[in-house]
């Protein structure tokens, strides 16, 4: 789904091998943004992880509008 308006908030999350922790954080963040009714973009910046951090973010982005890797 394409965003049609400029986000009111940009959140940048630096990540390196965060597969084990990032999933729960993204779930919590998504719930918070929905509760606050904030139009936000969430950018996860993967710095060459050797685990499945990037895969996790790509999968989460399918259900989290505004989440990008």
PDB file of N, CA and C in Angstrom:
ATOM      1  N   UNK A   1       0.846  -1.180   0.000  1.00  0.00           N
ATOM      2  CA  UNK A   1       0.000   0.000   0.000  1.00  0.00           C
ATOM      3  C   UNK A   1       0.889   1.240   0.000  1.00  0.00           C
ATOM      4  N   UNK A   2       0.661   2.142  -0.909  1.00  0.00           N
ATOM      5  CA  UNK A   2       1.434   3.373  -0.992  1.00  0.00           C
ATOM      6  C   UNK A   2       0.866   4.425  -0.044  1.00  0.00           C
ATOM      7  N   UNK A   3       1.732   5.106   0.631  1.00  0.00           N
ATOM      8  CA  UNK A   3       1.330   6.203   1.512  1.00  0.00           C
ATOM      9  C   UNK A   3       1.084   7.431   0.640  1.00  0.00           C
ATOM     10  N   UNK A   4      -0.031   8.097   0.849  1.00  0.00           N
ATOM     11  CA  UNK A   4      -0.388   9.236   0.007  1.00  0.00           C
ATOM     12  C   UNK A   4      -0.092  10.574   0.662  1.00  0.00           C
ATOM     13  N   UNK A   5       0.211  10.571   1.940  1.00  0.00           N
ATOM     14  CA  UNK A   5       0.520  11.819   2.625  1.00  0.00           C
ATOM     15  C   UNK A   5       1.909  11.725   3.259  1.00  0.00           C
ATOM     16  N   UNK A   6       2.487  12.865   3.496  1.00  0.00           N
ATOM     17  CA  UNK A   6       3.792  12.913   4.148  1.00  0.00           C
ATOM     18  C   UNK A   6       3.621  12.517   5.606  1.00  0.00           C
ATOM     19  N   UNK A   7       4.453  11.604   6.101  1.00  0.00           N
ATOM     20  CA  UNK A   7       4.334  11.195   7.495  1.00  0.00           C
ATOM     21  C   UNK A   7       4.603  12.356   8.441  1.00  0.00           C
ATOM     22  N   UNK A   8       3.885  12.363   9.556  1.00  0.00           N
ATOM     23  CA  UNK A   8       4.093  13.380  10.584  1.00  0.00           C
ATOM     24  C   UNK A   8       5.334  13.075  11.410  1.00  0.00           C
ATOM     25  N   UNK A   9       5.769  11.818  11.370  1.00  0.00           N
ATOM     26  CA  UNK A   9       6.871  11.371  12.212  1.00  0.00           C
ATOM     27  C   UNK A   9       7.681  10.327  11.464  1.00  0.00           C
ATOM     28  N   UNK A  10       8.996  10.427  11.562  1.00  0.00           N
ATOM     29  CA  UNK A  10       9.890   9.398  11.019  1.00  0.00           C
ATOM     30  C   UNK A  10      10.684   8.802  12.169  1.00  0.00           C
ATOM     31  N   UNK A  11      10.662   7.487  12.250  1.00  0.00           N
ATOM     32  CA  UNK A  11      11.405   6.783  13.291  1.00  0.00           C
ATOM     33  C   UNK A  11      12.461   5.943  12.600  1.00  0.00           C
ATOM     34  N   UNK A  12      13.713   6.122  12.985  1.00  0.00           N
ATOM     35  CA  UNK A  12      14.814   5.368  12.401  1.00  0.00           C
ATOM     36  C   UNK A  12      15.351   4.412  13.458  1.00  0.00           C
ATOM     37  N   UNK A  13      15.388   3.131  13.108  1.00  0.00           N
ATOM     38  CA  UNK A  13      15.876   2.112  14.023  1.00  0.00           C
ATOM     39  C   UNK A  13      17.132   1.483  13.422  1.00  0.00           C
ATOM     40  N   UNK A  14      18.302   1.784  13.974  1.00  0.00           N
ATOM     41  CA  UNK A  14      19.515   1.115  13.490  1.00  0.00           C
ATOM     42  C   UNK A  14      19.518  -0.331  14.004  1.00  0.00           C
ATOM     43  N   UNK A  15      19.928  -1.252  13.149  1.00  0.00           N
ATOM     44  CA  UNK A  15      19.884  -2.661  13.547  1.00  0.00           C
ATOM     45  C   UNK A  15      21.104  -3.407  13.032  1.00  0.00           C
ATOM     46  N   UNK A  16      21.665  -4.230  13.895  1.00  0.00           N
ATOM     47  CA  UNK A  16      22.731  -5.143  13.504  1.00  0.00           C
ATOM     48  C   UNK A  16      22.523  -6.435  14.290  1.00  0.00           C
ATOM     49  N   UNK A  17      22.172  -7.485  13.575  1.00  0.00           N
ATOM     50  CA  UNK A  17      21.887  -8.785  14.191  1.00  0.00           C
ATOM     51  C   UNK A  17      20.856  -8.676  15.317  1.00  0.00           C
ATOM     52  N   UNK A  18      19.713  -8.088  14.999  1.00  0.00           N
ATOM     53  CA  UNK A  18      18.650  -7.855  15.980  1.00  0.00           C
ATOM     54  C   UNK A  18      17.444  -8.759  15.773  1.00  0.00           C
ATOM     55  N   UNK A  19      17.610  -9.841  15.053  1.00  0.00           N
ATOM     56  CA  UNK A  19      16.501 -10.751  14.760  1.00  0.00           C
ATOM     57  C   UNK A  19      15.759 -11.184  16.026  1.00  0.00           C
ATOM     58  N   UNK A  20      16.473 -11.480  17.076  1.00  0.00           N
ATOM     59  CA  UNK A  20      15.855 -12.011  18.301  1.00  0.00           C
ATOM     60  C   UNK A  20      15.065 -10.962  19.079  1.00  0.00           C
ATOM     61  N   UNK A  21      15.408  -9.673  18.933  1.00  0.00           N
ATOM     62  CA  UNK A  21      14.747  -8.638  19.724  1.00  0.00           C
ATOM     63  C   UNK A  21      13.811  -7.748  18.930  1.00  0.00           C
ATOM     64  N   UNK A  22      14.070  -7.600  17.654  1.00  0.00           N
ATOM     65  CA  UNK A  22      13.369  -6.592  16.860  1.00  0.00           C
ATOM     66  C   UNK A  22      11.886  -6.899  16.651  1.00  0.00           C
ATOM     67  N   UNK A  23      11.527  -8.150  16.504  1.00  0.00           N
ATOM     68  CA  UNK A  23      10.136  -8.511  16.225  1.00  0.00           C
ATOM     69  C   UNK A  23       9.168  -7.982  17.263  1.00  0.00           C
ATOM     70  N   UNK A  24       9.460  -8.222  18.521  1.00  0.00           N
ATOM     71  CA  UNK A  24       8.586  -7.768  19.606  1.00  0.00           C
ATOM     72  C   UNK A  24       8.520  -6.241  19.655  1.00  0.00           C
ATOM     73  N   UNK A  25       9.651  -5.606  19.401  1.00  0.00           N
ATOM     74  CA  UNK A  25       9.674  -4.145  19.401  1.00  0.00           C
ATOM     75  C   UNK A  25       8.813  -3.552  18.298  1.00  0.00           C
ATOM     76  N   UNK A  26       8.844  -4.177  17.132  1.00  0.00           N
ATOM     77  CA  UNK A  26       8.023  -3.687  16.025  1.00  0.00           C
ATOM     78  C   UNK A  26       6.530  -3.867  16.309  1.00  0.00           C
ATOM     79  N   UNK A  27       6.172  -4.980  16.942  1.00  0.00           N
ATOM     80  CA  UNK A  27       4.768  -5.206  17.316  1.00  0.00           C
ATOM     81  C   UNK A  27       4.305  -4.126  18.283  1.00  0.00           C
ATOM     82  N   UNK A  28       5.130  -3.837  19.284  1.00  0.00           N
ATOM     83  CA  UNK A  28       4.795  -2.809  20.273  1.00  0.00           C
ATOM     84  C   UNK A  28       4.703  -1.429  19.621  1.00  0.00           C
ATOM     85  N   UNK A  29       5.656  -1.126  18.753  1.00  0.00           N
ATOM     86  CA  UNK A  29       5.666   0.170  18.078  1.00  0.00           C
ATOM     87  C   UNK A  29       4.441   0.337  17.189  1.00  0.00           C
ATOM     88  N   UNK A  30       4.089  -0.703  16.448  1.00  0.00           N
ATOM     89  CA  UNK A  30       2.909  -0.651  15.581  1.00  0.00           C
ATOM     90  C   UNK A  30       1.654  -0.378  16.405  1.00  0.00           C
ATOM     91  N   UNK A  31       1.499  -1.059  17.537  1.00  0.00           N
ATOM     92  CA  UNK A  31       0.342  -0.853  18.412  1.00  0.00           C
ATOM     93  C   UNK A  31       0.316   0.570  18.958  1.00  0.00           C
ATOM     94  N   UNK A  32       1.468   1.081  19.359  1.00  0.00           N
ATOM     95  CA  UNK A  32       1.539   2.446  19.895  1.00  0.00           C
ATOM     96  C   UNK A  32       1.146   3.474  18.837  1.00  0.00           C
ATOM     97  N   UNK A  33       1.690   3.329  17.636  1.00  0.00           N
ATOM     98  CA  UNK A  33       1.370   4.287  16.568  1.00  0.00           C
ATOM     99  C   UNK A  33      -0.107   4.249  16.225  1.00  0.00           C
ATOM    100  N   UNK A  34      -0.679   3.057  16.209  1.00  0.00           N
ATOM    101  CA  UNK A  34      -2.115   2.933  15.931  1.00  0.00           C
ATOM    102  C   UNK A  34      -2.931   3.579  17.055  1.00  0.00           C
ATOM    103  N   UNK A  35      -2.553   3.328  18.294  1.00  0.00           N
ATOM    104  CA  UNK A  35      -3.258   3.884  19.446  1.00  0.00           C
ATOM    105  C   UNK A  35      -3.203   5.408  19.443  1.00  0.00           C
ATOM    106  N   UNK A  36      -2.047   5.963  19.068  1.00  0.00           N
ATOM    107  CA  UNK A  36      -1.874   7.412  19.027  1.00  0.00           C
ATOM    108  C   UNK A  36      -2.414   8.032  17.734  1.00  0.00           C
ATOM    109  N   UNK A  37      -2.786   7.169  16.780  1.00  0.00           N
ATOM    110  CA  UNK A  37      -3.276   7.621  15.466  1.00  0.00           C
ATOM    111  C   UNK A  37      -2.258   8.519  14.771  1.00  0.00           C
ATOM    112  N   UNK A  38      -1.003   8.080  14.839  1.00  0.00           N
ATOM    113  CA  UNK A  38       0.082   8.842  14.218  1.00  0.00           C
ATOM    114  C   UNK A  38       0.364   8.329  12.822  1.00  0.00           C
ATOM    115  N   UNK A  39       0.501   9.237  11.893  1.00  0.00           N
ATOM    116  CA  UNK A  39       0.927   8.905  10.541  1.00  0.00           C
ATOM    117  C   UNK A  39       2.452   8.930  10.570  1.00  0.00           C
ATOM    118  N   UNK A  40       3.059   7.748  10.636  1.00  0.00           N
ATOM    119  CA  UNK A  40       4.507   7.671  10.808  1.00  0.00           C
ATOM    120  C   UNK A  40       5.115   6.689   9.826  1.00  0.00           C
ATOM    121  N   UNK A  41       6.384   6.931   9.523  1.00  0.00           N
ATOM    122  CA  UNK A  41       7.169   5.952   8.786  1.00  0.00           C
ATOM    123  C   UNK A  41       8.215   5.414   9.751  1.00  0.00           C
ATOM    124  N   UNK A  42       8.488   4.126   9.632  1.00  0.00           N
ATOM    125  CA  UNK A  42       9.489   3.479  10.477  1.00  0.00           C
ATOM    126  C   UNK A  42      10.527   2.878   9.539  1.00  0.00           C
ATOM    127  N   UNK A  43      11.743   3.341   9.683  1.00  0.00           N
ATOM    128  CA  UNK A  43      12.832   2.899   8.817  1.00  0.00           C
ATOM    129  C   UNK A  43      13.817   2.076   9.632  1.00  0.00           C
ATOM    130  N   UNK A  44      13.938   0.805   9.308  1.00  0.00           N
ATOM    131  CA  UNK A  44      14.927  -0.036   9.964  1.00  0.00           C
ATOM    132  C   UNK A  44      16.153  -0.048   9.061  1.00  0.00           C
ATOM    133  N   UNK A  45      17.264   0.406   9.600  1.00  0.00           N
ATOM    134  CA  UNK A  45      18.513   0.474   8.843  1.00  0.00           C
ATOM    135  C   UNK A  45      19.386  -0.694   9.290  1.00  0.00           C
ATOM    136  N   UNK A  46      19.482  -1.694   8.431  1.00  0.00           N
ATOM    137  CA  UNK A  46      20.249  -2.900   8.735  1.00  0.00           C
ATOM    138  C   UNK A  46      21.684  -2.692   8.277  1.00  0.00           C
ATOM    139  N   UNK A  47      22.600  -2.779   9.220  1.00  0.00           N
ATOM    140  CA  UNK A  47      24.015  -2.524   8.936  1.00  0.00           C
ATOM    141  C   UNK A  47      24.778  -3.821   8.675  1.00  0.00           C
ATOM    142  N   UNK A  48      24.299  -4.595   7.695  1.00  0.00           N
ATOM    143  CA  UNK A  48      25.017  -5.795   7.299  1.00  0.00           C
ATOM    144  C   UNK A  48      24.850  -6.975   8.237  1.00  0.00           C
ATOM    145  N   UNK A  49      23.683  -7.127   8.820  1.00  0.00           N
ATOM    146  CA  UNK A  49      23.440  -8.238   9.738  1.00  0.00           C
ATOM    147  C   UNK A  49      23.703  -9.578   9.065  1.00  0.00           C
ATOM    148  N   UNK A  50      24.189 -10.531   9.863  1.00  0.00           N
ATOM    149  CA  UNK A  50      24.422 -11.882   9.354  1.00  0.00           C
ATOM    150  C   UNK A  50      23.322 -12.840   9.796  1.00  0.00           C
ATOM    151  N   UNK A  51      22.362 -12.353  10.563  1.00  0.00           N
ATOM    152  CA  UNK A  51      21.214 -13.169  10.948  1.00  0.00           C
ATOM    153  C   UNK A  51      20.034 -12.812  10.041  1.00  0.00           C
ATOM    154  N   UNK A  52      18.835 -13.102  10.452  1.00  0.00           N
ATOM    155  CA  UNK A  52      17.653 -12.875   9.612  1.00  0.00           C
ATOM    156  C   UNK A  52      16.939 -11.558   9.925  1.00  0.00           C
ATOM    157  N   UNK A  53      17.676 -10.559  10.373  1.00  0.00           N
ATOM    158  CA  UNK A  53      17.063  -9.262  10.674  1.00  0.00           C
ATOM    159  C   UNK A  53      16.315  -8.705   9.469  1.00  0.00           C
ATOM    160  N   UNK A  54      16.943  -8.672   8.318  1.00  0.00           N
ATOM    161  CA  UNK A  54      16.309  -8.106   7.122  1.00  0.00           C
ATOM    162  C   UNK A  54      15.065  -8.888   6.726  1.00  0.00           C
ATOM    163  N   UNK A  55      15.123 -10.194   6.804  1.00  0.00           N
ATOM    164  CA  UNK A  55      13.971 -11.029   6.468  1.00  0.00           C
ATOM    165  C   UNK A  55      12.813 -10.751   7.415  1.00  0.00           C
ATOM    166  N   UNK A  56      13.109 -10.622   8.701  1.00  0.00           N
ATOM    167  CA  UNK A  56      12.087 -10.316   9.689  1.00  0.00           C
ATOM    168  C   UNK A  56      11.389  -9.001   9.362  1.00  0.00           C
ATOM    169  N   UNK A  57      12.164  -7.977   9.020  1.00  0.00           N
ATOM    170  CA  UNK A  57      11.583  -6.665   8.718  1.00  0.00           C
ATOM    171  C   UNK A  57      10.743  -6.740   7.455  1.00  0.00           C
ATOM    172  N   UNK A  58      11.229  -7.412   6.439  1.00  0.00           N
ATOM    173  CA  UNK A  58      10.448  -7.543   5.195  1.00  0.00           C
ATOM    174  C   UNK A  58       9.107  -8.222   5.451  1.00  0.00           C
ATOM    175  N   UNK A  59       9.108  -9.271   6.256  1.00  0.00           N
ATOM    176  CA  UNK A  59       7.862  -9.971   6.576  1.00  0.00           C
ATOM    177  C   UNK A  59       6.933  -9.072   7.391  1.00  0.00           C
ATOM    178  N   UNK A  60       7.480  -8.377   8.368  1.00  0.00           N
ATOM    179  CA  UNK A  60       6.668  -7.486   9.211  1.00  0.00           C
ATOM    180  C   UNK A  60       6.069  -6.350   8.396  1.00  0.00           C
ATOM    181  N   UNK A  61       6.789  -5.885   7.384  1.00  0.00           N
ATOM    182  CA  UNK A  61       6.328  -4.744   6.572  1.00  0.00           C
ATOM    183  C   UNK A  61       5.059  -5.074   5.796  1.00  0.00           C
ATOM    184  N   UNK A  62       4.786  -6.338   5.568  1.00  0.00           N
ATOM    185  CA  UNK A  62       3.569  -6.728   4.848  1.00  0.00           C
ATOM    186  C   UNK A  62       2.316  -6.366   5.636  1.00  0.00           C
ATOM    187  N   UNK A  63       2.431  -6.312   6.963  1.00  0.00           N
ATOM    188  CA  UNK A  63       1.282  -5.995   7.812  1.00  0.00           C
ATOM    189  C   UNK A  63       1.452  -4.684   8.574  1.00  0.00           C
ATOM    190  N   UNK A  64       2.529  -3.963   8.324  1.00  0.00           N
ATOM    191  CA  UNK A  64       2.843  -2.742   9.063  1.00  0.00           C
ATOM    192  C   UNK A  64       3.050  -1.633   8.050  1.00  0.00           C
ATOM    193  N   UNK A  65       1.987  -0.897   7.772  1.00  0.00           N
ATOM    194  CA  UNK A  65       2.071   0.214   6.807  1.00  0.00           C
ATOM    195  C   UNK A  65       3.057   1.250   7.330  1.00  0.00           C
ATOM    196  N   UNK A  66       3.987   1.641   6.485  1.00  0.00           N
ATOM    197  CA  UNK A  66       4.967   2.644   6.877  1.00  0.00           C
ATOM    198  C   UNK A  66       6.301   2.061   7.306  1.00  0.00           C
ATOM    199  N   UNK A  67       6.374   0.741   7.479  1.00  0.00           N
ATOM    200  CA  UNK A  67       7.632   0.096   7.867  1.00  0.00           C
ATOM    201  C   UNK A  67       8.433  -0.221   6.614  1.00  0.00           C
ATOM    202  N   UNK A  68       9.700   0.202   6.630  1.00  0.00           N
ATOM    203  CA  UNK A  68      10.586  -0.060   5.487  1.00  0.00           C
ATOM    204  C   UNK A  68      11.957  -0.471   5.980  1.00  0.00           C
ATOM    205  N   UNK A  69      12.610  -1.279   5.151  1.00  0.00           N
ATOM    206  CA  UNK A  69      13.969  -1.714   5.438  1.00  0.00           C
ATOM    207  C   UNK A  69      14.910  -0.860   4.632  1.00  0.00           C
TER     208      UNK A  69
END
